[in-house]
Amino acid sequence: MESRFLLLSDVAAELNVSDSQVYHMVRSGELPAIKIGGRGQWRVERARLEEYIERKYAETAEWVRGNPLGERDVE
């Protein structure tokens, strides 16, 4: 059974980015997360991570539509 909540390091591995990048995404509010425990450790709900990924796909698709390849861009 998959865990409902992920450590920031798990999220970083899933997205293939650094732990510090994920921490920044969480602290900026870009990626929803919660703080738990006496030491205030961050956790990201798996469902929120999937929503974040879907949102990024939509944002990227919108960007691509607005920035079509020019002849110079094609290799």
N, C-alpha and C. Protein backbone atom coordinates (compact mmCIF):
# COMPACT_ATOMS: atom_id res chain seq x y z
N MET A 1 0.84 -1.19 0.00
CA MET A 1 0.00 0.00 0.00
C MET A 1 0.87 1.25 0.00
N GLU A 2 0.53 2.17 -0.89
CA GLU A 2 1.30 3.42 -0.96
C GLU A 2 0.97 4.31 0.23
N SER A 3 1.98 4.99 0.69
CA SER A 3 1.82 5.93 1.78
C SER A 3 1.03 7.15 1.30
N ARG A 4 0.16 7.67 2.15
CA ARG A 4 -0.63 8.85 1.78
C ARG A 4 0.24 10.09 1.72
N PHE A 5 1.21 10.20 2.64
CA PHE A 5 2.06 11.37 2.72
C PHE A 5 3.49 11.04 2.35
N LEU A 6 4.16 12.00 1.72
CA LEU A 6 5.54 11.84 1.27
C LEU A 6 6.45 12.82 1.98
N LEU A 7 7.67 12.40 2.24
CA LEU A 7 8.71 13.30 2.72
C LEU A 7 9.10 14.22 1.56
N LEU A 8 9.67 15.37 1.88
CA LEU A 8 10.13 16.24 0.81
C LEU A 8 11.18 15.57 -0.06
N SER A 9 12.00 14.73 0.56
CA SER A 9 13.02 14.00 -0.22
C SER A 9 12.37 13.02 -1.19
N ASP A 10 11.23 12.43 -0.80
CA ASP A 10 10.50 11.53 -1.71
C ASP A 10 9.93 12.31 -2.89
N VAL A 11 9.40 13.49 -2.60
CA VAL A 11 8.86 14.35 -3.66
C VAL A 11 9.99 14.75 -4.61
N ALA A 12 11.13 15.10 -4.06
CA ALA A 12 12.28 15.49 -4.88
C ALA A 12 12.69 14.34 -5.81
N ALA A 13 12.72 13.14 -5.26
CA ALA A 13 13.07 11.98 -6.09
C ALA A 13 12.03 11.75 -7.18
N GLU A 14 10.77 11.91 -6.83
CA GLU A 14 9.68 11.70 -7.79
C GLU A 14 9.75 12.70 -8.94
N LEU A 15 10.09 13.96 -8.62
CA LEU A 15 10.17 15.01 -9.64
C LEU A 15 11.55 15.16 -10.25
N ASN A 16 12.52 14.41 -9.73
CA ASN A 16 13.90 14.47 -10.20
C ASN A 16 14.47 15.89 -10.07
N VAL A 17 14.25 16.48 -8.88
CA VAL A 17 14.80 17.79 -8.55
C VAL A 17 15.47 17.69 -7.18
N SER A 18 16.08 18.76 -6.73
CA SER A 18 16.77 18.73 -5.44
C SER A 18 15.77 18.91 -4.29
N ASP A 19 16.19 18.47 -3.12
CA ASP A 19 15.39 18.66 -1.91
C ASP A 19 15.13 20.15 -1.68
N SER A 20 16.14 20.98 -1.92
CA SER A 20 15.97 22.42 -1.68
C SER A 20 14.96 23.03 -2.65
N GLN A 21 14.88 22.52 -3.86
CA GLN A 21 13.88 23.02 -4.80
C GLN A 21 12.47 22.69 -4.30
N VAL A 22 12.28 21.50 -3.78
CA VAL A 22 10.97 21.11 -3.25
C VAL A 22 10.64 21.96 -2.03
N TYR A 23 11.61 22.17 -1.16
CA TYR A 23 11.38 23.00 0.02
C TYR A 23 10.93 24.40 -0.41
N HIS A 24 11.56 24.96 -1.41
CA HIS A 24 11.17 26.29 -1.91
C HIS A 24 9.75 26.25 -2.48
N MET A 25 9.40 25.20 -3.22
CA MET A 25 8.06 25.07 -3.78
C MET A 25 7.01 25.03 -2.68
N VAL A 26 7.32 24.32 -1.59
CA VAL A 26 6.41 24.21 -0.46
C VAL A 26 6.30 25.55 0.27
N ARG A 27 7.44 26.17 0.58
CA ARG A 27 7.44 27.42 1.34
C ARG A 27 6.79 28.57 0.56
N SER A 28 6.88 28.53 -0.76
CA SER A 28 6.27 29.57 -1.58
C SER A 28 4.77 29.35 -1.79
N GLY A 29 4.29 28.16 -1.43
CA GLY A 29 2.88 27.84 -1.62
C GLY A 29 2.57 27.21 -2.96
N GLU A 30 3.58 27.04 -3.79
CA GLU A 30 3.38 26.44 -5.10
C GLU A 30 2.92 24.98 -4.99
N LEU A 31 3.47 24.28 -4.02
CA LEU A 31 3.12 22.87 -3.77
C LEU A 31 2.54 22.77 -2.37
N PRO A 32 1.24 22.45 -2.25
CA PRO A 32 0.63 22.35 -0.93
C PRO A 32 1.27 21.26 -0.07
N ALA A 33 1.48 21.59 1.20
CA ALA A 33 2.08 20.64 2.14
C ALA A 33 1.60 20.99 3.55
N ILE A 34 1.87 20.08 4.48
CA ILE A 34 1.53 20.32 5.88
C ILE A 34 2.78 20.12 6.73
N LYS A 35 2.77 20.77 7.89
CA LYS A 35 3.83 20.57 8.88
C LYS A 35 3.25 19.71 9.99
N ILE A 36 3.95 18.66 10.38
CA ILE A 36 3.45 17.79 11.43
C ILE A 36 4.54 17.53 12.46
N GLY A 37 4.11 17.08 13.62
CA GLY A 37 5.05 16.69 14.66
C GLY A 37 5.66 17.88 15.38
N GLY A 38 6.31 17.56 16.49
CA GLY A 38 6.92 18.58 17.32
C GLY A 38 8.05 19.33 16.63
N ARG A 39 8.69 18.68 15.68
CA ARG A 39 9.79 19.32 14.96
C ARG A 39 9.32 19.99 13.67
N GLY A 40 8.02 19.94 13.41
CA GLY A 40 7.47 20.62 12.24
C GLY A 40 8.00 20.10 10.92
N GLN A 41 7.98 18.79 10.75
CA GLN A 41 8.46 18.21 9.50
C GLN A 41 7.39 18.33 8.43
N TRP A 42 7.84 18.65 7.23
CA TRP A 42 6.93 18.83 6.11
C TRP A 42 6.53 17.49 5.50
N ARG A 43 5.25 17.41 5.09
CA ARG A 43 4.75 16.25 4.37
C ARG A 43 3.87 16.75 3.22
N VAL A 44 3.96 16.05 2.10
CA VAL A 44 3.15 16.37 0.93
C VAL A 44 2.23 15.18 0.68
N GLU A 45 0.96 15.46 0.61
CA GLU A 45 0.00 14.39 0.33
C GLU A 45 0.17 13.96 -1.13
N ARG A 46 0.18 12.66 -1.33
CA ARG A 46 0.38 12.11 -2.68
C ARG A 46 -0.62 12.71 -3.67
N ALA A 47 -1.88 12.84 -3.26
CA ALA A 47 -2.91 13.40 -4.15
C ALA A 47 -2.57 14.83 -4.54
N ARG A 48 -2.02 15.62 -3.60
CA ARG A 48 -1.64 17.01 -3.90
C ARG A 48 -0.48 17.05 -4.88
N LEU A 49 0.45 16.10 -4.75
CA LEU A 49 1.56 16.03 -5.70
C LEU A 49 1.04 15.72 -7.10
N GLU A 50 0.11 14.78 -7.20
CA GLU A 50 -0.46 14.45 -8.52
C GLU A 50 -1.21 15.64 -9.11
N GLU A 51 -1.93 16.40 -8.27
CA GLU A 51 -2.61 17.61 -8.74
C GLU A 51 -1.60 18.64 -9.23
N TYR A 52 -0.49 18.78 -8.50
CA TYR A 52 0.57 19.70 -8.88
C TYR A 52 1.13 19.31 -10.25
N ILE A 53 1.39 18.04 -10.44
CA ILE A 53 1.93 17.57 -11.72
C ILE A 53 0.95 17.85 -12.85
N GLU A 54 -0.33 17.58 -12.64
CA GLU A 54 -1.34 17.85 -13.67
C GLU A 54 -1.40 19.35 -13.98
N ARG A 55 -1.32 20.18 -12.94
CA ARG A 55 -1.33 21.63 -13.13
C ARG A 55 -0.12 22.07 -13.96
N LYS A 56 1.03 21.48 -13.70
CA LYS A 56 2.24 21.83 -14.45
C LYS A 56 2.13 21.40 -15.92
N TYR A 57 1.50 20.24 -16.16
CA TYR A 57 1.26 19.82 -17.55
C TYR A 57 0.39 20.85 -18.27
N ALA A 58 -0.68 21.31 -17.60
CA ALA A 58 -1.59 22.28 -18.21
C ALA A 58 -0.86 23.61 -18.46
N GLU A 59 -0.07 24.07 -17.49
CA GLU A 59 0.69 25.31 -17.65
C GLU A 59 1.69 25.19 -18.80
N THR A 60 2.34 24.05 -18.89
CA THR A 60 3.32 23.84 -19.96
C THR A 60 2.64 23.82 -21.32
N ALA A 61 1.49 23.15 -21.41
CA ALA A 61 0.75 23.08 -22.68
C ALA A 61 0.33 24.48 -23.11
N GLU A 62 -0.12 25.30 -22.15
CA GLU A 62 -0.50 26.67 -22.45
C GLU A 62 0.70 27.48 -22.94
N TRP A 63 1.83 27.29 -22.29
CA TRP A 63 3.05 27.99 -22.69
C TRP A 63 3.46 27.58 -24.11
N VAL A 64 3.39 26.29 -24.40
CA VAL A 64 3.77 25.80 -25.73
C VAL A 64 2.86 26.39 -26.80
N ARG A 65 1.56 26.45 -26.51
CA ARG A 65 0.61 27.06 -27.48
C ARG A 65 0.96 28.52 -27.73
N GLY A 66 1.39 29.22 -26.72
CA GLY A 66 1.72 30.63 -26.86
C GLY A 66 3.12 30.91 -27.38
N ASN A 67 3.94 29.88 -27.48
CA ASN A 67 5.33 30.03 -27.93
C ASN A 67 5.67 28.93 -28.95
N PRO A 68 5.05 29.00 -30.12
CA PRO A 68 5.31 27.95 -31.12
C PRO A 68 6.76 27.98 -31.59
N LEU A 69 7.20 26.83 -32.05
CA LEU A 69 8.56 26.73 -32.58
C LEU A 69 8.69 27.56 -33.86
N GLY A 70 9.79 28.28 -33.96
CA GLY A 70 10.10 28.99 -35.18
C GLY A 70 11.04 28.13 -36.00
N GLU A 71 11.30 28.53 -37.22
CA GLU A 71 12.20 27.73 -38.06
C GLU A 71 13.58 27.63 -37.47
N ARG A 72 14.03 28.66 -36.75
CA ARG A 72 15.36 28.62 -36.15
C ARG A 72 15.43 27.60 -35.00
N ASP A 73 14.28 27.33 -34.37
CA ASP A 73 14.24 26.45 -33.21
C ASP A 73 14.30 24.96 -33.58
N VAL A 74 13.97 24.63 -34.81
CA VAL A 74 13.91 23.23 -35.23
C VAL A 74 15.31 22.75 -35.57
N GLU A 75 15.67 21.60 -35.04
CA GLU A 75 17.01 21.04 -35.34
C GLU A 75 16.91 19.91 -36.31
